[in-house]
Amino acid sequence: DFAWSLFGKYSRYGITHNETETGQMMQVYPAWWLKSAEVGFTLWSASGPFHGLLDPVRAAPLGAAALPASAPLLLAMGLSAVLGAAGFVLGLRRGEQLGKASATGYISLAA
């Protein structure tokens, strides 16, 4: 229902507010978007739209430079969480094995 309500409100390059005769406004693209070299809308020629270089101001760097400064910290935290969970599961399994082997239910620890 939500998807169809969005389609009914924002389709056909207009925004429908109500069902009256004046209840629809035309959707206008922002001037900064129309003038952007990446979009190329105002730069189109008779042969078609511009397909070329990206706007250097808005172009995002690719590769390691695009990663945030906290990426190594997040990677280390994620890795330690995975290793901690794996150690916990292995410890539970080992404890169950030792508990089954001992008839008294006690586990002797070396001093």
PDB file of N, CA and C in Angstrom:
ATOM      1  N   ASP A   1       0.821  -1.189   0.000  1.00  0.00           N
ATOM      2  CA  ASP A   1       0.000   0.000   0.000  1.00  0.00           C
ATOM      3  C   ASP A   1       0.871   1.261   0.000  1.00  0.00           C
ATOM      4  N   PHE A   2       1.967   1.217   0.795  1.00  0.00           N
ATOM      5  CA  PHE A   2       2.833   2.390   0.887  1.00  0.00           C
ATOM      6  C   PHE A   2       3.483   2.693  -0.461  1.00  0.00           C
ATOM      7  N   ALA A   3       3.927   1.654  -1.152  1.00  0.00           N
ATOM      8  CA  ALA A   3       4.570   1.855  -2.454  1.00  0.00           C
ATOM      9  C   ALA A   3       3.586   2.465  -3.452  1.00  0.00           C
ATOM     10  N   TRP A   4       2.355   1.967  -3.446  1.00  0.00           N
ATOM     11  CA  TRP A   4       1.375   2.501  -4.384  1.00  0.00           C
ATOM     12  C   TRP A   4       0.977   3.925  -4.021  1.00  0.00           C
ATOM     13  N   SER A   5       0.985   4.256  -2.729  1.00  0.00           N
ATOM     14  CA  SER A   5       0.662   5.631  -2.356  1.00  0.00           C
ATOM     15  C   SER A   5       1.771   6.586  -2.814  1.00  0.00           C
ATOM     16  N   LEU A   6       3.024   6.137  -2.738  1.00  0.00           N
ATOM     17  CA  LEU A   6       4.121   6.962  -3.247  1.00  0.00           C
ATOM     18  C   LEU A   6       4.031   7.120  -4.753  1.00  0.00           C
ATOM     19  N   PHE A   7       3.698   6.038  -5.437  1.00  0.00           N
ATOM     20  CA  PHE A   7       3.547   6.107  -6.885  1.00  0.00           C
ATOM     21  C   PHE A   7       2.414   7.065  -7.259  1.00  0.00           C
ATOM     22  N   GLY A   8       1.314   6.986  -6.549  1.00  0.00           N
ATOM     23  CA  GLY A   8       0.185   7.865  -6.849  1.00  0.00           C
ATOM     24  C   GLY A   8       0.482   9.326  -6.571  1.00  0.00           C
ATOM     25  N   LYS A   9       1.318   9.589  -5.562  1.00  0.00           N
ATOM     26  CA  LYS A   9       1.609  10.977  -5.201  1.00  0.00           C
ATOM     27  C   LYS A   9       2.677  11.593  -6.089  1.00  0.00           C
ATOM     28  N   TYR A  10       3.760  10.842  -6.411  1.00  0.00           N
ATOM     29  CA  TYR A  10       4.923  11.441  -7.070  1.00  0.00           C
ATOM     30  C   TYR A  10       5.099  11.026  -8.533  1.00  0.00           C
ATOM     31  N   SER A  11       4.169  10.328  -9.125  1.00  0.00           N
ATOM     32  CA  SER A  11       4.358   9.904 -10.519  1.00  0.00           C
ATOM     33  C   SER A  11       3.982  11.028 -11.487  1.00  0.00           C
ATOM     34  N   ARG A  12       4.332  10.849 -12.736  1.00  0.00           N
ATOM     35  CA  ARG A  12       3.991  11.760 -13.836  1.00  0.00           C
ATOM     36  C   ARG A  12       4.583  13.151 -13.654  1.00  0.00           C
ATOM     37  N   TYR A  13       5.784  13.269 -13.078  1.00  0.00           N
ATOM     38  CA  TYR A  13       6.500  14.534 -12.899  1.00  0.00           C
ATOM     39  C   TYR A  13       5.671  15.567 -12.154  1.00  0.00           C
ATOM     40  N   GLY A  14       4.798  15.099 -11.282  1.00  0.00           N
ATOM     41  CA  GLY A  14       3.990  16.008 -10.490  1.00  0.00           C
ATOM     42  C   GLY A  14       3.792  15.444  -9.100  1.00  0.00           C
ATOM     43  N   ILE A  15       3.440  16.309  -8.156  1.00  0.00           N
ATOM     44  CA  ILE A  15       3.169  15.893  -6.792  1.00  0.00           C
ATOM     45  C   ILE A  15       1.688  16.130  -6.541  1.00  0.00           C
ATOM     46  N   THR A  16       0.960  15.063  -6.270  1.00  0.00           N
ATOM     47  CA  THR A  16      -0.474  15.153  -6.055  1.00  0.00           C
ATOM     48  C   THR A  16      -0.746  15.325  -4.565  1.00  0.00           C
ATOM     49  N   HIS A  17      -1.387  16.442  -4.200  1.00  0.00           N
ATOM     50  CA  HIS A  17      -1.718  16.704  -2.804  1.00  0.00           C
ATOM     51  C   HIS A  17      -3.147  16.286  -2.486  1.00  0.00           C
ATOM     52  N   ASN A  18      -4.055  16.464  -3.439  1.00  0.00           N
ATOM     53  CA  ASN A  18      -5.441  16.027  -3.252  1.00  0.00           C
ATOM     54  C   ASN A  18      -6.043  15.797  -4.634  1.00  0.00           C
ATOM     55  N   GLU A  19      -7.277  15.401  -4.672  1.00  0.00           N
ATOM     56  CA  GLU A  19      -7.911  15.030  -5.932  1.00  0.00           C
ATOM     57  C   GLU A  19      -8.653  16.182  -6.602  1.00  0.00           C
ATOM     58  N   THR A  20      -8.464  17.403  -6.154  1.00  0.00           N
ATOM     59  CA  THR A  20      -9.146  18.534  -6.779  1.00  0.00           C
ATOM     60  C   THR A  20      -8.436  18.927  -8.064  1.00  0.00           C
ATOM     61  N   GLU A  21      -8.996  19.896  -8.744  1.00  0.00           N
ATOM     62  CA  GLU A  21      -8.438  20.341 -10.012  1.00  0.00           C
ATOM     63  C   GLU A  21      -7.086  21.030  -9.831  1.00  0.00           C
ATOM     64  N   THR A  22      -6.894  21.678  -8.697  1.00  0.00           N
ATOM     65  CA  THR A  22      -5.629  22.370  -8.422  1.00  0.00           C
ATOM     66  C   THR A  22      -4.765  21.610  -7.411  1.00  0.00           C
ATOM     67  N   GLY A  23      -5.030  20.359  -7.212  1.00  0.00           N
ATOM     68  CA  GLY A  23      -4.328  19.586  -6.184  1.00  0.00           C
ATOM     69  C   GLY A  23      -3.020  18.972  -6.634  1.00  0.00           C
ATOM     70  N   GLN A  24      -2.545  19.318  -7.818  1.00  0.00           N
ATOM     71  CA  GLN A  24      -1.283  18.750  -8.292  1.00  0.00           C
ATOM     72  C   GLN A  24      -0.332  19.873  -8.678  1.00  0.00           C
ATOM     73  N   MET A  25       0.931  19.753  -8.195  1.00  0.00           N
ATOM     74  CA  MET A  25       1.970  20.715  -8.557  1.00  0.00           C
ATOM     75  C   MET A  25       2.982  20.006  -9.441  1.00  0.00           C
ATOM     76  N   MET A  26       3.557  20.731 -10.372  1.00  0.00           N
ATOM     77  CA  MET A  26       4.588  20.140 -11.221  1.00  0.00           C
ATOM     78  C   MET A  26       5.888  20.019 -10.434  1.00  0.00           C
ATOM     79  N   GLN A  27       6.576  18.928 -10.635  1.00  0.00           N
ATOM     80  CA  GLN A  27       7.843  18.701  -9.962  1.00  0.00           C
ATOM     81  C   GLN A  27       8.946  19.413 -10.738  1.00  0.00           C
ATOM     82  N   VAL A  28       9.708  20.244 -10.066  1.00  0.00           N
ATOM     83  CA  VAL A  28      10.751  21.041 -10.695  1.00  0.00           C
ATOM     84  C   VAL A  28      12.104  20.535 -10.210  1.00  0.00           C
ATOM     85  N   TYR A  29      12.990  20.269 -11.146  1.00  0.00           N
ATOM     86  CA  TYR A  29      14.333  19.855 -10.767  1.00  0.00           C
ATOM     87  C   TYR A  29      15.121  21.069 -10.279  1.00  0.00           C
ATOM     88  N   PRO A  30      15.977  20.904  -9.261  1.00  0.00           N
ATOM     89  CA  PRO A  30      16.756  22.045  -8.771  1.00  0.00           C
ATOM     90  C   PRO A  30      17.726  22.552  -9.830  1.00  0.00           C
ATOM     91  N   ALA A  31      17.990  23.861  -9.799  1.00  0.00           N
ATOM     92  CA  ALA A  31      18.870  24.481 -10.791  1.00  0.00           C
ATOM     93  C   ALA A  31      20.288  23.930 -10.703  1.00  0.00           C
ATOM     94  N   TRP A  32      20.788  23.653  -9.480  1.00  0.00           N
ATOM     95  CA  TRP A  32      22.147  23.114  -9.341  1.00  0.00           C
ATOM     96  C   TRP A  32      22.261  21.754 -10.008  1.00  0.00           C
ATOM     97  N   TRP A  33      21.186  20.971 -10.001  1.00  0.00           N
ATOM     98  CA  TRP A  33      21.218  19.661 -10.627  1.00  0.00           C
ATOM     99  C   TRP A  33      21.186  19.796 -12.145  1.00  0.00           C
ATOM    100  N   LEU A  34      20.382  20.724 -12.646  1.00  0.00           N
ATOM    101  CA  LEU A  34      20.287  20.919 -14.087  1.00  0.00           C
ATOM    102  C   LEU A  34      21.598  21.431 -14.677  1.00  0.00           C
ATOM    103  N   LYS A  35      22.333  22.261 -13.912  1.00  0.00           N
ATOM    104  CA  LYS A  35      23.575  22.856 -14.408  1.00  0.00           C
ATOM    105  C   LYS A  35      24.804  22.009 -14.130  1.00  0.00           C
ATOM    106  N   SER A  36      24.657  20.913 -13.417  1.00  0.00           N
ATOM    107  CA  SER A  36      25.798  20.067 -13.068  1.00  0.00           C
ATOM    108  C   SER A  36      26.377  19.404 -14.314  1.00  0.00           C
ATOM    109  N   ALA A  37      27.702  19.396 -14.392  1.00  0.00           N
ATOM    110  CA  ALA A  37      28.359  18.762 -15.538  1.00  0.00           C
ATOM    111  C   ALA A  37      28.196  17.249 -15.498  1.00  0.00           C
ATOM    112  N   GLU A  38      28.029  16.684 -14.297  1.00  0.00           N
ATOM    113  CA  GLU A  38      27.830  15.239 -14.194  1.00  0.00           C
ATOM    114  C   GLU A  38      26.495  14.823 -14.799  1.00  0.00           C
ATOM    115  N   VAL A  39      25.476  15.615 -14.571  1.00  0.00           N
ATOM    116  CA  VAL A  39      24.164  15.321 -15.141  1.00  0.00           C
ATOM    117  C   VAL A  39      24.177  15.654 -16.622  1.00  0.00           C
ATOM    118  N   GLY A  40      24.716  16.812 -16.950  1.00  0.00           N
ATOM    119  CA  GLY A  40      24.858  17.193 -18.339  1.00  0.00           C
ATOM    120  C   GLY A  40      23.594  17.650 -19.021  1.00  0.00           C
ATOM    121  N   PHE A  41      22.547  17.905 -18.268  1.00  0.00           N
ATOM    122  CA  PHE A  41      21.267  18.249 -18.872  1.00  0.00           C
ATOM    123  C   PHE A  41      21.356  19.504 -19.727  1.00  0.00           C
ATOM    124  N   THR A  42      22.038  20.538 -19.257  1.00  0.00           N
ATOM    125  CA  THR A  42      22.146  21.776 -20.028  1.00  0.00           C
ATOM    126  C   THR A  42      23.264  21.703 -21.066  1.00  0.00           C
ATOM    127  N   LEU A  43      24.091  20.663 -20.987  1.00  0.00           N
ATOM    128  CA  LEU A  43      25.208  20.521 -21.918  1.00  0.00           C
ATOM    129  C   LEU A  43      24.883  19.596 -23.093  1.00  0.00           C
ATOM    130  N   TRP A  44      23.674  19.078 -23.152  1.00  0.00           N
ATOM    131  CA  TRP A  44      23.320  18.150 -24.210  1.00  0.00           C
ATOM    132  C   TRP A  44      23.382  18.844 -25.570  1.00  0.00           C
ATOM    133  N   SER A  45      23.845  18.076 -26.519  1.00  0.00           N
ATOM    134  CA  SER A  45      23.864  18.583 -27.890  1.00  0.00           C
ATOM    135  C   SER A  45      22.833  17.809 -28.702  1.00  0.00           C
ATOM    136  N   ALA A  46      22.769  18.105 -29.980  1.00  0.00           N
ATOM    137  CA  ALA A  46      21.821  17.402 -30.837  1.00  0.00           C
ATOM    138  C   ALA A  46      22.182  15.925 -30.975  1.00  0.00           C
ATOM    139  N   SER A  47      23.459  15.583 -30.749  1.00  0.00           N
ATOM    140  CA  SER A  47      23.879  14.183 -30.877  1.00  0.00           C
ATOM    141  C   SER A  47      23.614  13.368 -29.627  1.00  0.00           C
ATOM    142  N   GLY A  48      23.196  14.000 -28.543  1.00  0.00           N
ATOM    143  CA  GLY A  48      22.874  13.247 -27.336  1.00  0.00           C
ATOM    144  C   GLY A  48      23.485  13.847 -26.092  1.00  0.00           C
ATOM    145  N   PRO A  49      23.287  13.189 -24.960  1.00  0.00           N
ATOM    146  CA  PRO A  49      23.803  13.714 -23.702  1.00  0.00           C
ATOM    147  C   PRO A  49      25.315  13.556 -23.581  1.00  0.00           C
ATOM    148  N   PHE A  50      25.885  14.329 -22.702  1.00  0.00           N
ATOM    149  CA  PHE A  50      27.320  14.298 -22.444  1.00  0.00           C
ATOM    150  C   PHE A  50      27.660  13.067 -21.621  1.00  0.00           C
ATOM    151  N   HIS A  51      28.596  12.260 -22.094  1.00  0.00           N
ATOM    152  CA  HIS A  51      29.115  11.115 -21.350  1.00  0.00           C
ATOM    153  C   HIS A  51      30.623  11.281 -21.317  1.00  0.00           C
ATOM    154  N   GLY A  52      31.115  11.802 -20.225  1.00  0.00           N
ATOM    155  CA  GLY A  52      32.545  12.042 -20.176  1.00  0.00           C
ATOM    156  C   GLY A  52      33.052  12.141 -18.765  1.00  0.00           C
ATOM    157  N   LEU A  53      33.829  13.153 -18.509  1.00  0.00           N
ATOM    158  CA  LEU A  53      34.489  13.305 -17.230  1.00  0.00           C
ATOM    159  C   LEU A  53      33.508  13.738 -16.150  1.00  0.00           C
ATOM    160  N   LEU A  54      33.783  13.278 -14.927  1.00  0.00           N
ATOM    161  CA  LEU A  54      32.960  13.681 -13.803  1.00  0.00           C
ATOM    162  C   LEU A  54      33.397  15.042 -13.302  1.00  0.00           C
ATOM    163  N   ASP A  55      32.496  15.692 -12.632  1.00  0.00           N
ATOM    164  CA  ASP A  55      32.779  16.971 -12.003  1.00  0.00           C
ATOM    165  C   ASP A  55      33.839  16.755 -10.926  1.00  0.00           C
ATOM    166  N   PRO A  56      35.004  17.422 -10.979  1.00  0.00           N
ATOM    167  CA  PRO A  56      36.057  17.131  -9.995  1.00  0.00           C
ATOM    168  C   PRO A  56      35.657  17.507  -8.575  1.00  0.00           C
ATOM    169  N   VAL A  57      34.758  18.440  -8.411  1.00  0.00           N
ATOM    170  CA  VAL A  57      34.345  18.851  -7.071  1.00  0.00           C
ATOM    171  C   VAL A  57      33.487  17.774  -6.428  1.00  0.00           C
ATOM    172  N   ARG A  58      32.630  17.152  -7.204  1.00  0.00           N
ATOM    173  CA  ARG A  58      31.692  16.183  -6.652  1.00  0.00           C
ATOM    174  C   ARG A  58      32.155  14.740  -6.812  1.00  0.00           C
ATOM    175  N   ALA A  59      33.201  14.488  -7.565  1.00  0.00           N
ATOM    176  CA  ALA A  59      33.649  13.117  -7.794  1.00  0.00           C
ATOM    177  C   ALA A  59      34.278  12.565  -6.519  1.00  0.00           C
ATOM    178  N   ALA A  60      33.836  11.397  -6.113  1.00  0.00           N
ATOM    179  CA  ALA A  60      34.373  10.759  -4.906  1.00  0.00           C
ATOM    180  C   ALA A  60      35.614   9.954  -5.279  1.00  0.00           C
ATOM    181  N   PRO A  61      36.646   9.996  -4.451  1.00  0.00           N
ATOM    182  CA  PRO A  61      37.839   9.204  -4.746  1.00  0.00           C
ATOM    183  C   PRO A  61      37.555   7.716  -4.589  1.00  0.00           C
ATOM    184  N   LEU A  62      38.228   6.919  -5.366  1.00  0.00           N
ATOM    185  CA  LEU A  62      38.051   5.474  -5.317  1.00  0.00           C
ATOM    186  C   LEU A  62      39.242   4.844  -4.630  1.00  0.00           C
ATOM    187  N   GLY A  63      39.056   3.670  -4.101  1.00  0.00           N
ATOM    188  CA  GLY A  63      40.153   2.937  -3.483  1.00  0.00           C
ATOM    189  C   GLY A  63      40.266   3.205  -2.003  1.00  0.00           C
ATOM    190  N   ALA A  64      41.480   3.074  -1.460  1.00  0.00           N
ATOM    191  CA  ALA A  64      41.703   3.206  -0.031  1.00  0.00           C
ATOM    192  C   ALA A  64      41.441   4.620   0.456  1.00  0.00           C
ATOM    193  N   ALA A  65      41.601   5.604  -0.389  1.00  0.00           N
ATOM    194  CA  ALA A  65      41.373   6.984   0.025  1.00  0.00           C
ATOM    195  C   ALA A  65      39.897   7.243   0.322  1.00  0.00           C
ATOM    196  N   ALA A  66      39.003   6.419  -0.219  1.00  0.00           N
ATOM    197  CA  ALA A  66      37.576   6.603   0.005  1.00  0.00           C
ATOM    198  C   ALA A  66      37.134   6.049   1.358  1.00  0.00           C
ATOM    199  N   LEU A  67      37.975   5.262   2.018  1.00  0.00           N
ATOM    200  CA  LEU A  67      37.619   4.696   3.303  1.00  0.00           C
ATOM    201  C   LEU A  67      37.721   5.762   4.389  1.00  0.00           C
ATOM    202  N   PRO A  68      36.844   5.713   5.368  1.00  0.00           N
ATOM    203  CA  PRO A  68      36.952   6.679   6.459  1.00  0.00           C
ATOM    204  C   PRO A  68      38.179   6.392   7.320  1.00  0.00           C
ATOM    205  N   ALA A  69      38.592   7.372   8.106  1.00  0.00           N
ATOM    206  CA  ALA A  69      39.783   7.225   8.935  1.00  0.00           C
ATOM    207  C   ALA A  69      39.593   6.154  10.003  1.00  0.00           C
ATOM    208  N   SER A  70      38.371   5.880  10.386  1.00  0.00           N
ATOM    209  CA  SER A  70      38.115   4.891  11.427  1.00  0.00           C
ATOM    210  C   SER A  70      37.997   3.469  10.883  1.00  0.00           C
ATOM    211  N   ALA A  71      38.231   3.267   9.600  1.00  0.00           N
ATOM    212  CA  ALA A  71      38.078   1.937   9.007  1.00  0.00           C
ATOM    213  C   ALA A  71      39.004   0.900   9.635  1.00  0.00           C
ATOM    214  N   PRO A  72      40.292   1.181   9.895  1.00  0.00           N
ATOM    215  CA  PRO A  72      41.126   0.161  10.538  1.00  0.00           C
ATOM    216  C   PRO A  72      40.629  -0.205  11.938  1.00  0.00           C
ATOM    217  N   LEU A  73      40.130   0.781  12.669  1.00  0.00           N
ATOM    218  CA  LEU A  73      39.602   0.502  14.004  1.00  0.00           C
ATOM    219  C   LEU A  73      38.359  -0.376  13.912  1.00  0.00           C
ATOM    220  N   LEU A  74      37.472  -0.069  12.987  1.00  0.00           N
ATOM    221  CA  LEU A  74      36.269  -0.882  12.808  1.00  0.00           C
ATOM    222  C   LEU A  74      36.611  -2.300  12.371  1.00  0.00           C
ATOM    223  N   LEU A  75      37.611  -2.429  11.509  1.00  0.00           N
ATOM    224  CA  LEU A  75      38.040  -3.752  11.071  1.00  0.00           C
ATOM    225  C   LEU A  75      38.607  -4.549  12.244  1.00  0.00           C
ATOM    226  N   ALA A  76      39.431  -3.918  13.082  1.00  0.00           N
ATOM    227  CA  ALA A  76      40.011  -4.604  14.237  1.00  0.00           C
ATOM    228  C   ALA A  76      38.930  -5.003  15.236  1.00  0.00           C
ATOM    229  N   MET A  77      37.951  -4.128  15.445  1.00  0.00           N
ATOM    230  CA  MET A  77      36.860  -4.452  16.372  1.00  0.00           C
ATOM    231  C   MET A  77      36.015  -5.607  15.844  1.00  0.00           C
ATOM    232  N   GLY A  78      35.733  -5.609  14.565  1.00  0.00           N
ATOM    233  CA  GLY A  78      34.961  -6.702  13.974  1.00  0.00           C
ATOM    234  C   GLY A  78      35.698  -8.022  14.041  1.00  0.00           C
ATOM    235  N   LEU A  79      36.996  -7.988  13.738  1.00  0.00           N
ATOM    236  CA  LEU A  79      37.800  -9.206  13.788  1.00  0.00           C
ATOM    237  C   LEU A  79      37.876  -9.745  15.209  1.00  0.00           C
ATOM    238  N   SER A  80      38.061  -8.876  16.188  1.00  0.00           N
ATOM    239  CA  SER A  80      38.132  -9.349  17.573  1.00  0.00           C
ATOM    240  C   SER A  80      36.783  -9.879  18.042  1.00  0.00           C
ATOM    241  N   ALA A  81      35.689  -9.321  17.574  1.00  0.00           N
ATOM    242  CA  ALA A  81      34.372  -9.832  17.932  1.00  0.00           C
ATOM    243  C   ALA A  81      34.155 -11.229  17.352  1.00  0.00           C
ATOM    244  N   VAL A  82      34.563 -11.434  16.117  1.00  0.00           N
ATOM    245  CA  VAL A  82      34.417 -12.756  15.495  1.00  0.00           C
ATOM    246  C   VAL A  82      35.297 -13.781  16.204  1.00  0.00           C
ATOM    247  N   LEU A  83      36.545 -13.405  16.500  1.00  0.00           N
ATOM    248  CA  LEU A  83      37.436 -14.332  17.198  1.00  0.00           C
ATOM    249  C   LEU A  83      36.947 -14.618  18.612  1.00  0.00           C
ATOM    250  N   GLY A  84      36.422 -13.620  19.291  1.00  0.00           N
ATOM    251  CA  GLY A  84      35.871 -13.838  20.632  1.00  0.00           C
ATOM    252  C   GLY A  84      34.679 -14.775  20.615  1.00  0.00           C
ATOM    253  N   ALA A  85      33.790 -14.611  19.641  1.00  0.00           N
ATOM    254  CA  ALA A  85      32.630 -15.499  19.530  1.00  0.00           C
ATOM    255  C   ALA A  85      33.063 -16.925  19.202  1.00  0.00           C
ATOM    256  N   ALA A  86      34.053 -17.061  18.320  1.00  0.00           N
ATOM    257  CA  ALA A  86      34.542 -18.402  17.973  1.00  0.00           C
ATOM    258  C   ALA A  86      35.187 -19.062  19.193  1.00  0.00           C
ATOM    259  N   GLY A  87      35.965 -18.320  19.975  1.00  0.00           N
ATOM    260  CA  GLY A  87      36.570 -18.867  21.187  1.00  0.00           C
ATOM    261  C   GLY A  87      35.529 -19.274  22.205  1.00  0.00           C
ATOM    262  N   PHE A  88      34.473 -18.491  22.330  1.00  0.00           N
ATOM    263  CA  PHE A  88      33.395 -18.825  23.259  1.00  0.00           C
ATOM    264  C   PHE A  88      32.719 -20.135  22.874  1.00  0.00           C
ATOM    265  N   VAL A  89      32.412 -20.292  21.591  1.00  0.00           N
ATOM    266  CA  VAL A  89      31.744 -21.510  21.126  1.00  0.00           C
ATOM    267  C   VAL A  89      32.661 -22.719  21.308  1.00  0.00           C
ATOM    268  N   LEU A  90      33.933 -22.565  20.983  1.00  0.00           N
ATOM    269  CA  LEU A  90      34.865 -23.683  21.177  1.00  0.00           C
ATOM    270  C   LEU A  90      35.009 -24.038  22.649  1.00  0.00           C
ATOM    271  N   GLY A  91      35.022 -23.053  23.532  1.00  0.00           N
ATOM    272  CA  GLY A  91      35.090 -23.310  24.968  1.00  0.00           C
ATOM    273  C   GLY A  91      33.867 -24.052  25.480  1.00  0.00           C
ATOM    274  N   LEU A  92      32.693 -23.687  24.977  1.00  0.00           N
ATOM    275  CA  LEU A  92      31.479 -24.404  25.367  1.00  0.00           C
ATOM    276  C   LEU A  92      31.540 -25.865  24.939  1.00  0.00           C
ATOM    277  N   ARG A  93      31.964 -26.096  23.721  1.00  0.00           N
ATOM    278  CA  ARG A  93      32.062 -27.480  23.221  1.00  0.00           C
ATOM    279  C   ARG A  93      33.063 -28.298  24.031  1.00  0.00           C
ATOM    280  N   ARG A  94      34.195 -27.686  24.340  1.00  0.00           N
ATOM    281  CA  ARG A  94      35.226 -28.395  25.113  1.00  0.00           C
ATOM    282  C   ARG A  94      34.713 -28.690  26.519  1.00  0.00           C
ATOM    283  N   GLY A  95      34.005 -27.770  27.105  1.00  0.00           N
ATOM    284  CA  GLY A  95      33.432 -27.988  28.435  1.00  0.00           C
ATOM    285  C   GLY A  95      32.404 -29.106  28.441  1.00  0.00           C
ATOM    286  N   GLU A  96      31.581 -29.160  27.394  1.00  0.00           N
ATOM    287  CA  GLU A  96      30.599 -30.247  27.302  1.00  0.00           C
ATOM    288  C   GLU A  96      31.292 -31.587  27.161  1.00  0.00           C
ATOM    289  N   GLN A  97      32.374 -31.645  26.379  1.00  0.00           N
ATOM    290  CA  GLN A  97      33.109 -32.899  26.206  1.00  0.00           C
ATOM    291  C   GLN A  97      33.726 -33.350  27.523  1.00  0.00           C
ATOM    292  N   LEU A  98      34.331 -32.446  28.269  1.00  0.00           N
ATOM    293  CA  LEU A  98      34.946 -32.812  29.546  1.00  0.00           C
ATOM    294  C   LEU A  98      33.890 -33.185  30.581  1.00  0.00           C
ATOM    295  N   GLY A  99      32.758 -32.539  30.538  1.00  0.00           N
ATOM    296  CA  GLY A  99      31.680 -32.858  31.470  1.00  0.00           C
ATOM    297  C   GLY A  99      31.112 -34.244  31.235  1.00  0.00           C
ATOM    298  N   LYS A 100      31.032 -34.660  29.983  1.00  0.00           N
ATOM    299  CA  LYS A 100      30.524 -35.994  29.660  1.00  0.00           C
ATOM    300  C   LYS A 100      31.536 -37.070  30.030  1.00  0.00           C
ATOM    301  N   ALA A 101      32.820 -36.755  29.957  1.00  0.00           N
ATOM    302  CA  ALA A 101      33.857 -37.739  30.256  1.00  0.00           C
ATOM    303  C   ALA A 101      33.958 -37.998  31.754  1.00  0.00           C
ATOM    304  N   SER A 102      33.657 -37.026  32.562  1.00  0.00           N
ATOM    305  CA  SER A 102      33.763 -37.174  34.010  1.00  0.00           C
ATOM    306  C   SER A 102      32.435 -37.659  34.566  1.00  0.00           C
ATOM    307  N   ALA A 103      32.467 -38.729  35.337  1.00  0.00           N
ATOM    308  CA  ALA A 103      31.238 -39.299  35.886  1.00  0.00           C
ATOM    309  C   ALA A 103      30.728 -38.470  37.058  1.00  0.00           C
ATOM    310  N   THR A 104      31.612 -37.833  37.790  1.00  0.00           N
ATOM    311  CA  THR A 104      31.199 -37.075  38.965  1.00  0.00           C
ATOM    312  C   THR A 104      30.718 -35.673  38.623  1.00  0.00           C
ATOM    313  N   GLY A 105      31.020 -35.191  37.484  1.00  0.00           N
ATOM    314  CA  GLY A 105      30.605 -33.860  37.101  1.00  0.00           C
ATOM    315  C   GLY A 105      31.624 -32.799  37.466  1.00  0.00           C
ATOM    316  N   TYR A 106      32.695 -33.195  38.148  1.00  0.00           N
ATOM    317  CA  TYR A 106      33.744 -32.240  38.511  1.00  0.00           C
ATOM    318  C   TYR A 106      34.874 -32.319  37.492  1.00  0.00           C
ATOM    319  N   ILE A 107      35.499 -31.198  37.249  1.00  0.00           N
ATOM    320  CA  ILE A 107      36.634 -31.150  36.342  1.00  0.00           C
ATOM    321  C   ILE A 107      37.847 -30.791  37.167  1.00  0.00           C
ATOM    322  N   SER A 108      38.878 -31.610  37.084  1.00  0.00           N
ATOM    323  CA  SER A 108      40.098 -31.314  37.836  1.00  0.00           C
ATOM    324  C   SER A 108      41.001 -30.426  37.007  1.00  0.00           C
ATOM    325  N   LEU A 109      41.544 -29.417  37.671  1.00  0.00           N
ATOM    326  CA  LEU A 109      42.421 -28.467  36.994  1.00  0.00           C
ATOM    327  C   LEU A 109      43.854 -28.693  37.468  1.00  0.00           C
ATOM    328  N   ALA A 110      44.798 -28.589  36.572  1.00  0.00           N
ATOM    329  CA  ALA A 110      46.192 -28.737  36.946  1.00  0.00           C
ATOM    330  C   ALA A 110      46.631 -27.469  37.668  1.00  0.00           C
ATOM    331  N   ALA A 111      47.433 -27.646  38.745  1.00  0.00           N
ATOM    332  CA  ALA A 111      47.873 -26.512  39.549  1.00  0.00           C
ATOM    333  C   ALA A 111      49.102 -25.868  39.016  1.00  0.00           C
TER     334      ALA A 111
END
